[in-house]
Amino acid sequence: MSTVAQSLTRAFAALFEPRILGLLLLPPLGSLLLWVVLGWLFWDAWTGMVRGALGLTTVAGWLADWNALWVIDYTAVIAVLVAILPAMLVTALLVTEIVAMPVIVRWVAERYYPELRRAAGGSVAGSIGNALIAVTVFMLLWILTLPLWLTGIGAFVAPLLNSAWLNQRLFRYDALADHATQEEMAQITATERGPLFVLGAALSLLLYVPVLNLAVPVLSGLAFTHFCLGRLAARRAAVS
């Protein structure tokens, strides 16, 4: 079984562990609650901003001539929803990183790699910096690939690839931070870039599966921890 498939299999199995089960719905529910509150507070301002921007375009003049300005109102609503969806995903992943990853890494290490030496090559500052870079690049990619949504298949592929990149960039650091040295973290990131992205893509596909998508943030943390610690253990065994 490939390392990616094995990581996914173990991640699914771990979802039913009591320690993990208690964390499962925290990221999606926390993200949903936050954005419901923000939407309630700022919905009119957000949609009003988009309507104002659209109202300055030539298209708005054409719509006014046809008494169809309602199109701008609906477009504003859709635009705000398109912006909120990736923000909800990012929020859920960040909640997972902050709240769940310390528990996940400890559990996976104790269960599968009890003899793996801790090297503490990562830090809180490094984790924060990594998260800021990951989220910033993801949001830029999301904006730049929005035109691809008009091509039909691009509406499926572009978000999938963007989410795959975000997953692997966000979780690989925290998965290795406690146990790998800085050199080992850099080596694994460089040599396992392809499998890391494939794992991120596989997990991103699950976002399209109803109900199961609620577990994707914690499932991602589990899968990347299994993958990264497994590769770290194999690397150390090879050089010992």
C-alpha atoms as a PDB file:
ATOM      1  CA  MET A   1       0.000   0.000   0.000  1.00  0.00           C
ATOM      2  CA  SER A   2       1.358   3.415  -0.902  1.00  0.00           C
ATOM      3  CA  THR A   3       2.268   5.846   1.846  1.00  0.00           C
ATOM      4  CA  VAL A   4      -0.538   8.211   0.776  1.00  0.00           C
ATOM      5  CA  ALA A   5      -3.171   5.444   0.823  1.00  0.00           C
ATOM      6  CA  GLN A   6      -1.888   4.112   4.134  1.00  0.00           C
ATOM      7  CA  SER A   7      -2.043   7.594   5.672  1.00  0.00           C
ATOM      8  CA  LEU A   8      -5.637   8.029   4.522  1.00  0.00           C
ATOM      9  CA  THR A   9      -6.640   4.576   5.784  1.00  0.00           C
ATOM     10  CA  ARG A  10      -5.162   5.195   9.216  1.00  0.00           C
ATOM     11  CA  ALA A  11      -6.708   8.673   9.340  1.00  0.00           C
ATOM     12  CA  PHE A  12     -10.193   7.277   8.666  1.00  0.00           C
ATOM     13  CA  ALA A  13      -9.724   4.591  11.313  1.00  0.00           C
ATOM     14  CA  ALA A  14      -8.626   7.197  13.868  1.00  0.00           C
ATOM     15  CA  LEU A  15     -11.827   9.215  13.464  1.00  0.00           C
ATOM     16  CA  PHE A  16     -13.585   6.816  15.813  1.00  0.00           C
ATOM     17  CA  GLU A  17     -11.019   7.094  18.605  1.00  0.00           C
ATOM     18  CA  PRO A  18     -12.587   8.878  21.629  1.00  0.00           C
ATOM     19  CA  ARG A  19      -9.854  11.516  21.805  1.00  0.00           C
ATOM     20  CA  ILE A  20     -10.243  12.363  18.107  1.00  0.00           C
ATOM     21  CA  LEU A  21     -14.016  12.014  18.021  1.00  0.00           C
ATOM     22  CA  GLY A  22     -14.330  14.798  20.563  1.00  0.00           C
ATOM     23  CA  LEU A  23     -12.525  17.165  18.177  1.00  0.00           C
ATOM     24  CA  LEU A  24     -14.286  16.127  14.997  1.00  0.00           C
ATOM     25  CA  LEU A  25     -17.026  18.745  14.687  1.00  0.00           C
ATOM     26  CA  LEU A  26     -15.235  21.584  16.446  1.00  0.00           C
ATOM     27  CA  PRO A  27     -13.558  23.063  13.322  1.00  0.00           C
ATOM     28  CA  PRO A  28     -16.605  23.093  10.988  1.00  0.00           C
ATOM     29  CA  LEU A  29     -19.034  24.233  13.684  1.00  0.00           C
ATOM     30  CA  GLY A  30     -16.623  26.898  14.927  1.00  0.00           C
ATOM     31  CA  SER A  31     -16.129  28.184  11.391  1.00  0.00           C
ATOM     32  CA  LEU A  32     -19.852  28.127  10.647  1.00  0.00           C
ATOM     33  CA  LEU A  33     -20.709  29.980  13.847  1.00  0.00           C
ATOM     34  CA  LEU A  34     -18.086  32.650  13.197  1.00  0.00           C
ATOM     35  CA  TRP A  35     -19.219  33.333   9.636  1.00  0.00           C
ATOM     36  CA  VAL A  36     -22.913  33.273  10.514  1.00  0.00           C
ATOM     37  CA  VAL A  37     -22.251  35.967  13.118  1.00  0.00           C
ATOM     38  CA  LEU A  38     -20.086  37.986  10.715  1.00  0.00           C
ATOM     39  CA  GLY A  39     -22.699  37.595   7.975  1.00  0.00           C
ATOM     40  CA  TRP A  40     -25.446  38.768  10.298  1.00  0.00           C
ATOM     41  CA  LEU A  41     -23.385  41.825  11.253  1.00  0.00           C
ATOM     42  CA  PHE A  42     -21.935  42.777   7.877  1.00  0.00           C
ATOM     43  CA  TRP A  43     -24.111  41.206   5.149  1.00  0.00           C
ATOM     44  CA  ASP A  44     -25.690  44.491   4.049  1.00  0.00           C
ATOM     45  CA  ALA A  45     -22.304  46.216   4.010  1.00  0.00           C
ATOM     46  CA  TRP A  46     -20.675  43.419   1.981  1.00  0.00           C
ATOM     47  CA  THR A  47     -23.426  43.141  -0.604  1.00  0.00           C
ATOM     48  CA  GLY A  48     -23.754  46.935  -0.720  1.00  0.00           C
ATOM     49  CA  MET A  49     -20.042  47.239  -1.499  1.00  0.00           C
ATOM     50  CA  VAL A  50     -20.349  44.782  -4.389  1.00  0.00           C
ATOM     51  CA  ARG A  51     -23.522  46.454  -5.698  1.00  0.00           C
ATOM     52  CA  GLY A  52     -21.776  49.815  -5.579  1.00  0.00           C
ATOM     53  CA  ALA A  53     -18.807  48.498  -7.553  1.00  0.00           C
ATOM     54  CA  LEU A  54     -21.048  46.821 -10.134  1.00  0.00           C
ATOM     55  CA  GLY A  55     -23.171  49.956 -10.403  1.00  0.00           C
ATOM     56  CA  LEU A  56     -20.178  51.846 -11.823  1.00  0.00           C
ATOM     57  CA  THR A  57     -19.770  49.466 -14.761  1.00  0.00           C
ATOM     58  CA  THR A  58     -21.120  49.806 -18.303  1.00  0.00           C
ATOM     59  CA  VAL A  59     -23.169  46.670 -17.782  1.00  0.00           C
ATOM     60  CA  ALA A  60     -25.146  48.438 -15.059  1.00  0.00           C
ATOM     61  CA  GLY A  61     -26.203  51.067 -17.574  1.00  0.00           C
ATOM     62  CA  TRP A  62     -27.431  48.409 -19.968  1.00  0.00           C
ATOM     63  CA  LEU A  63     -29.334  46.675 -17.185  1.00  0.00           C
ATOM     64  CA  ALA A  64     -30.945  49.979 -16.183  1.00  0.00           C
ATOM     65  CA  ASP A  65     -32.163  50.485 -19.753  1.00  0.00           C
ATOM     66  CA  TRP A  66     -33.796  47.074 -19.596  1.00  0.00           C
ATOM     67  CA  ASN A  67     -35.186  47.576 -16.070  1.00  0.00           C
ATOM     68  CA  ALA A  68     -33.103  44.627 -14.925  1.00  0.00           C
ATOM     69  CA  LEU A  69     -31.052  46.104 -12.113  1.00  0.00           C
ATOM     70  CA  TRP A  70     -32.207  43.169 -10.003  1.00  0.00           C
ATOM     71  CA  VAL A  71     -29.428  41.204 -11.747  1.00  0.00           C
ATOM     72  CA  ILE A  72     -26.875  43.307  -9.849  1.00  0.00           C
ATOM     73  CA  ASP A  73     -28.558  42.470  -6.534  1.00  0.00           C
ATOM     74  CA  TYR A  74     -28.396  38.734  -7.230  1.00  0.00           C
ATOM     75  CA  THR A  75     -24.839  39.012  -8.511  1.00  0.00           C
ATOM     76  CA  ALA A  76     -23.818  40.796  -5.310  1.00  0.00           C
ATOM     77  CA  VAL A  77     -25.268  37.988  -3.192  1.00  0.00           C
ATOM     78  CA  ILE A  78     -23.491  35.321  -5.262  1.00  0.00           C
ATOM     79  CA  ALA A  79     -20.198  37.230  -5.142  1.00  0.00           C
ATOM     80  CA  VAL A  80     -20.315  37.497  -1.349  1.00  0.00           C
ATOM     81  CA  LEU A  81     -21.142  33.799  -0.999  1.00  0.00           C
ATOM     82  CA  VAL A  82     -18.256  32.878  -3.314  1.00  0.00           C
ATOM     83  CA  ALA A  83     -15.955  34.909  -1.072  1.00  0.00           C
ATOM     84  CA  ILE A  84     -17.324  33.407   2.165  1.00  0.00           C
ATOM     85  CA  LEU A  85     -16.950  29.756   1.119  1.00  0.00           C
ATOM     86  CA  PRO A  86     -13.130  29.730   0.946  1.00  0.00           C
ATOM     87  CA  ALA A  87     -13.028  31.875   4.080  1.00  0.00           C
ATOM     88  CA  MET A  88     -15.063  29.223   5.923  1.00  0.00           C
ATOM     89  CA  LEU A  89     -12.708  26.497   4.709  1.00  0.00           C
ATOM     90  CA  VAL A  90      -9.641  28.444   5.807  1.00  0.00           C
ATOM     91  CA  THR A  91     -11.210  29.165   9.194  1.00  0.00           C
ATOM     92  CA  ALA A  92     -12.023  25.479   9.766  1.00  0.00           C
ATOM     93  CA  LEU A  93      -8.469  24.466   8.850  1.00  0.00           C
ATOM     94  CA  LEU A  94      -6.979  27.117  11.119  1.00  0.00           C
ATOM     95  CA  VAL A  95      -9.155  25.954  14.022  1.00  0.00           C
ATOM     96  CA  THR A  96      -7.899  22.434  13.344  1.00  0.00           C
ATOM     97  CA  GLU A  97      -4.297  23.623  13.293  1.00  0.00           C
ATOM     98  CA  ILE A  98      -4.593  25.563  16.542  1.00  0.00           C
ATOM     99  CA  VAL A  99      -6.879  23.326  18.590  1.00  0.00           C
ATOM    100  CA  ALA A 100      -6.719  19.830  17.118  1.00  0.00           C
ATOM    101  CA  MET A 101      -3.198  19.376  15.757  1.00  0.00           C
ATOM    102  CA  PRO A 102      -1.435  19.244  19.163  1.00  0.00           C
ATOM    103  CA  VAL A 103      -3.802  16.445  20.185  1.00  0.00           C
ATOM    104  CA  ILE A 104      -3.541  14.685  16.815  1.00  0.00           C
ATOM    105  CA  VAL A 105       0.259  14.749  16.650  1.00  0.00           C
ATOM    106  CA  ARG A 106       0.569  13.489  20.222  1.00  0.00           C
ATOM    107  CA  TRP A 107      -1.938  10.680  19.626  1.00  0.00           C
ATOM    108  CA  VAL A 108      -0.424   9.510  16.319  1.00  0.00           C
ATOM    109  CA  ALA A 109       3.111   9.618  17.731  1.00  0.00           C
ATOM    110  CA  GLU A 110       2.162   7.659  20.861  1.00  0.00           C
ATOM    111  CA  ARG A 111       0.133   5.094  18.937  1.00  0.00           C
ATOM    112  CA  TYR A 112       2.294   4.462  15.861  1.00  0.00           C
ATOM    113  CA  TYR A 113       5.743   5.950  16.511  1.00  0.00           C
ATOM    114  CA  PRO A 114       6.440   5.668  20.259  1.00  0.00           C
ATOM    115  CA  GLU A 115      10.205   5.414  19.693  1.00  0.00           C
ATOM    116  CA  LEU A 116      10.420   8.425  17.369  1.00  0.00           C
ATOM    117  CA  ARG A 117      12.761  10.948  18.956  1.00  0.00           C
ATOM    118  CA  ARG A 118      11.449  14.485  19.422  1.00  0.00           C
ATOM    119  CA  ALA A 119      13.703  17.170  17.925  1.00  0.00           C
ATOM    120  CA  ALA A 120      11.444  20.257  18.148  1.00  0.00           C
ATOM    121  CA  GLY A 121      12.632  21.781  14.891  1.00  0.00           C
ATOM    122  CA  GLY A 122       9.476  23.855  14.654  1.00  0.00           C
ATOM    123  CA  SER A 123       8.127  26.635  16.834  1.00  0.00           C
ATOM    124  CA  VAL A 124       4.952  28.561  17.532  1.00  0.00           C
ATOM    125  CA  ALA A 125       6.318  31.518  15.575  1.00  0.00           C
ATOM    126  CA  GLY A 126       7.175  29.219  12.676  1.00  0.00           C
ATOM    127  CA  SER A 127       3.678  27.740  12.731  1.00  0.00           C
ATOM    128  CA  ILE A 128       2.095  31.187  12.687  1.00  0.00           C
ATOM    129  CA  GLY A 129       4.364  32.327   9.851  1.00  0.00           C
ATOM    130  CA  ASN A 130       3.617  29.191   7.852  1.00  0.00           C
ATOM    131  CA  ALA A 131      -0.130  29.677   8.354  1.00  0.00           C
ATOM    132  CA  LEU A 132       0.029  33.318   7.255  1.00  0.00           C
ATOM    133  CA  ILE A 133       1.914  32.406   4.080  1.00  0.00           C
ATOM    134  CA  ALA A 134      -0.439  29.499   3.345  1.00  0.00           C
ATOM    135  CA  VAL A 135      -3.619  31.537   3.781  1.00  0.00           C
ATOM    136  CA  THR A 136      -2.303  34.556   1.852  1.00  0.00           C
ATOM    137  CA  VAL A 137      -1.191  32.484  -1.150  1.00  0.00           C
ATOM    138  CA  PHE A 138      -4.433  30.479  -1.070  1.00  0.00           C
ATOM    139  CA  MET A 139      -6.602  33.602  -1.156  1.00  0.00           C
ATOM    140  CA  LEU A 140      -4.539  35.051  -4.022  1.00  0.00           C
ATOM    141  CA  LEU A 141      -4.858  31.783  -5.950  1.00  0.00           C
ATOM    142  CA  TRP A 142      -8.596  31.735  -5.291  1.00  0.00           C
ATOM    143  CA  ILE A 143      -8.995  35.262  -6.689  1.00  0.00           C
ATOM    144  CA  LEU A 144      -6.722  34.651  -9.694  1.00  0.00           C
ATOM    145  CA  THR A 145      -8.518  31.435 -10.660  1.00  0.00           C
ATOM    146  CA  LEU A 146     -12.054  32.828 -10.374  1.00  0.00           C
ATOM    147  CA  PRO A 147     -12.285  33.362 -14.179  1.00  0.00           C
ATOM    148  CA  LEU A 148     -11.757  29.608 -14.610  1.00  0.00           C
ATOM    149  CA  TRP A 149     -15.111  29.061 -12.893  1.00  0.00           C
ATOM    150  CA  LEU A 150     -16.756  30.316 -16.088  1.00  0.00           C
ATOM    151  CA  THR A 151     -15.282  27.407 -18.064  1.00  0.00           C
ATOM    152  CA  GLY A 152     -17.470  24.829 -16.327  1.00  0.00           C
ATOM    153  CA  ILE A 153     -14.912  22.200 -15.361  1.00  0.00           C
ATOM    154  CA  GLY A 154     -12.725  24.953 -13.950  1.00  0.00           C
ATOM    155  CA  ALA A 155     -15.335  25.540 -11.236  1.00  0.00           C
ATOM    156  CA  PHE A 156     -14.500  22.056  -9.956  1.00  0.00           C
ATOM    157  CA  VAL A 157     -10.793  21.762 -10.716  1.00  0.00           C
ATOM    158  CA  ALA A 158      -9.565  25.202  -9.592  1.00  0.00           C
ATOM    159  CA  PRO A 159     -10.962  25.044  -6.021  1.00  0.00           C
ATOM    160  CA  LEU A 160      -9.771  21.436  -5.750  1.00  0.00           C
ATOM    161  CA  LEU A 161      -6.184  22.304  -6.666  1.00  0.00           C
ATOM    162  CA  ASN A 162      -6.186  25.422  -4.493  1.00  0.00           C
ATOM    163  CA  SER A 163      -7.454  23.463  -1.494  1.00  0.00           C
ATOM    164  CA  ALA A 164      -4.920  20.694  -2.137  1.00  0.00           C
ATOM    165  CA  TRP A 165      -2.088  23.231  -2.021  1.00  0.00           C
ATOM    166  CA  LEU A 166      -3.463  24.820   1.155  1.00  0.00           C
ATOM    167  CA  ASN A 167      -3.859  21.469   2.915  1.00  0.00           C
ATOM    168  CA  GLN A 168      -0.304  20.312   2.349  1.00  0.00           C
ATOM    169  CA  ARG A 169       1.246  23.693   3.056  1.00  0.00           C
ATOM    170  CA  LEU A 170      -0.713  24.238   6.260  1.00  0.00           C
ATOM    171  CA  PHE A 171      -0.440  20.815   7.911  1.00  0.00           C
ATOM    172  CA  ARG A 172       3.023  19.567   6.960  1.00  0.00           C
ATOM    173  CA  TYR A 173       4.738  22.063   9.250  1.00  0.00           C
ATOM    174  CA  ASP A 174       2.718  21.251  12.368  1.00  0.00           C
ATOM    175  CA  ALA A 175       2.867  17.513  11.669  1.00  0.00           C
ATOM    176  CA  LEU A 176       6.674  17.621  11.820  1.00  0.00           C
ATOM    177  CA  ALA A 177       7.321  20.522  14.190  1.00  0.00           C
ATOM    178  CA  ASP A 178       7.640  18.478  17.403  1.00  0.00           C
ATOM    179  CA  HIS A 179       9.653  15.547  16.091  1.00  0.00           C
ATOM    180  CA  ALA A 180      11.826  16.680  13.165  1.00  0.00           C
ATOM    181  CA  THR A 181      14.831  18.945  13.072  1.00  0.00           C
ATOM    182  CA  GLN A 182      14.729  21.978  10.805  1.00  0.00           C
ATOM    183  CA  GLU A 183      16.942  20.129   8.336  1.00  0.00           C
ATOM    184  CA  GLU A 184      14.679  17.081   8.359  1.00  0.00           C
ATOM    185  CA  MET A 185      11.607  19.274   7.850  1.00  0.00           C
ATOM    186  CA  ALA A 186      13.216  20.920   4.826  1.00  0.00           C
ATOM    187  CA  GLN A 187      14.319  17.572   3.374  1.00  0.00           C
ATOM    188  CA  ILE A 188      10.914  15.914   3.729  1.00  0.00           C
ATOM    189  CA  THR A 189       9.145  18.953   2.288  1.00  0.00           C
ATOM    190  CA  ALA A 190      11.479  18.927  -0.721  1.00  0.00           C
ATOM    191  CA  THR A 191      11.579  15.189  -1.440  1.00  0.00           C
ATOM    192  CA  GLU A 192       7.898  14.443  -0.714  1.00  0.00           C
ATOM    193  CA  ARG A 193       6.389  17.443  -2.501  1.00  0.00           C
ATOM    194  CA  GLY A 194       4.480  15.302  -5.004  1.00  0.00           C
ATOM    195  CA  PRO A 195       2.952  12.823  -2.528  1.00  0.00           C
ATOM    196  CA  LEU A 196       2.079  15.687  -0.171  1.00  0.00           C
ATOM    197  CA  PHE A 197       0.132  17.407  -2.942  1.00  0.00           C
ATOM    198  CA  VAL A 198      -1.579  14.148  -3.947  1.00  0.00           C
ATOM    199  CA  LEU A 199      -2.634  13.621  -0.340  1.00  0.00           C
ATOM    200  CA  GLY A 200      -3.934  17.193  -0.204  1.00  0.00           C
ATOM    201  CA  ALA A 201      -5.902  16.650  -3.428  1.00  0.00           C
ATOM    202  CA  ALA A 202      -7.427  13.385  -2.160  1.00  0.00           C
ATOM    203  CA  LEU A 203      -8.596  15.126   1.005  1.00  0.00           C
ATOM    204  CA  SER A 204      -9.919  18.096  -0.977  1.00  0.00           C
ATOM    205  CA  LEU A 205     -12.061  15.733  -3.053  1.00  0.00           C
ATOM    206  CA  LEU A 206     -13.832  14.712   0.156  1.00  0.00           C
ATOM    207  CA  LEU A 207     -15.044  18.298   0.565  1.00  0.00           C
ATOM    208  CA  TYR A 208     -17.559  17.489  -2.181  1.00  0.00           C
ATOM    209  CA  VAL A 209     -19.029  14.565  -0.206  1.00  0.00           C
ATOM    210  CA  PRO A 210     -22.007  15.655   1.962  1.00  0.00           C
ATOM    211  CA  VAL A 211     -21.684  14.979   5.715  1.00  0.00           C
ATOM    212  CA  LEU A 212     -18.208  13.500   5.292  1.00  0.00           C
ATOM    213  CA  ASN A 213     -16.930  16.971   4.383  1.00  0.00           C
ATOM    214  CA  LEU A 214     -17.535  18.025   7.993  1.00  0.00           C
ATOM    215  CA  ALA A 215     -14.761  15.654   9.057  1.00  0.00           C
ATOM    216  CA  VAL A 216     -12.252  16.782   6.413  1.00  0.00           C
ATOM    217  CA  PRO A 217     -10.354  19.336   8.563  1.00  0.00           C
ATOM    218  CA  VAL A 218      -9.565  16.830  11.343  1.00  0.00           C
ATOM    219  CA  LEU A 219      -9.137  14.028   8.797  1.00  0.00           C
ATOM    220  CA  SER A 220      -6.551  16.185   7.019  1.00  0.00           C
ATOM    221  CA  GLY A 221      -4.651  16.764  10.235  1.00  0.00           C
ATOM    222  CA  LEU A 222      -4.602  13.022  10.903  1.00  0.00           C
ATOM    223  CA  ALA A 223      -3.566  12.048   7.375  1.00  0.00           C
ATOM    224  CA  PHE A 224      -0.733  14.553   7.116  1.00  0.00           C
ATOM    225  CA  THR A 225       0.540  13.642  10.576  1.00  0.00           C
ATOM    226  CA  HIS A 226       0.576   9.950   9.660  1.00  0.00           C
ATOM    227  CA  PHE A 227       2.310  10.701   6.375  1.00  0.00           C
ATOM    228  CA  CYS A 228       4.926  13.099   7.714  1.00  0.00           C
ATOM    229  CA  LEU A 229       5.847  11.115  10.827  1.00  0.00           C
ATOM    230  CA  GLY A 230       5.981   7.952   8.731  1.00  0.00           C
ATOM    231  CA  ARG A 231       8.388   9.544   6.267  1.00  0.00           C
ATOM    232  CA  LEU A 232      10.467  10.953   9.142  1.00  0.00           C
ATOM    233  CA  ALA A 233      10.732   7.536  10.795  1.00  0.00           C
ATOM    234  CA  ALA A 234      11.680   5.902   7.476  1.00  0.00           C
ATOM    235  CA  ARG A 235      14.324   8.559   6.793  1.00  0.00           C
ATOM    236  CA  ARG A 236      15.938   8.095  10.194  1.00  0.00           C
ATOM    237  CA  ALA A 237      15.873   4.315   9.848  1.00  0.00           C
ATOM    238  CA  ALA A 238      17.582   4.587   6.459  1.00  0.00           C
ATOM    239  CA  VAL A 239      20.491   6.671   7.781  1.00  0.00           C
ATOM    240  CA  SER A 240      20.972   4.829  11.074  1.00  0.00           C
END
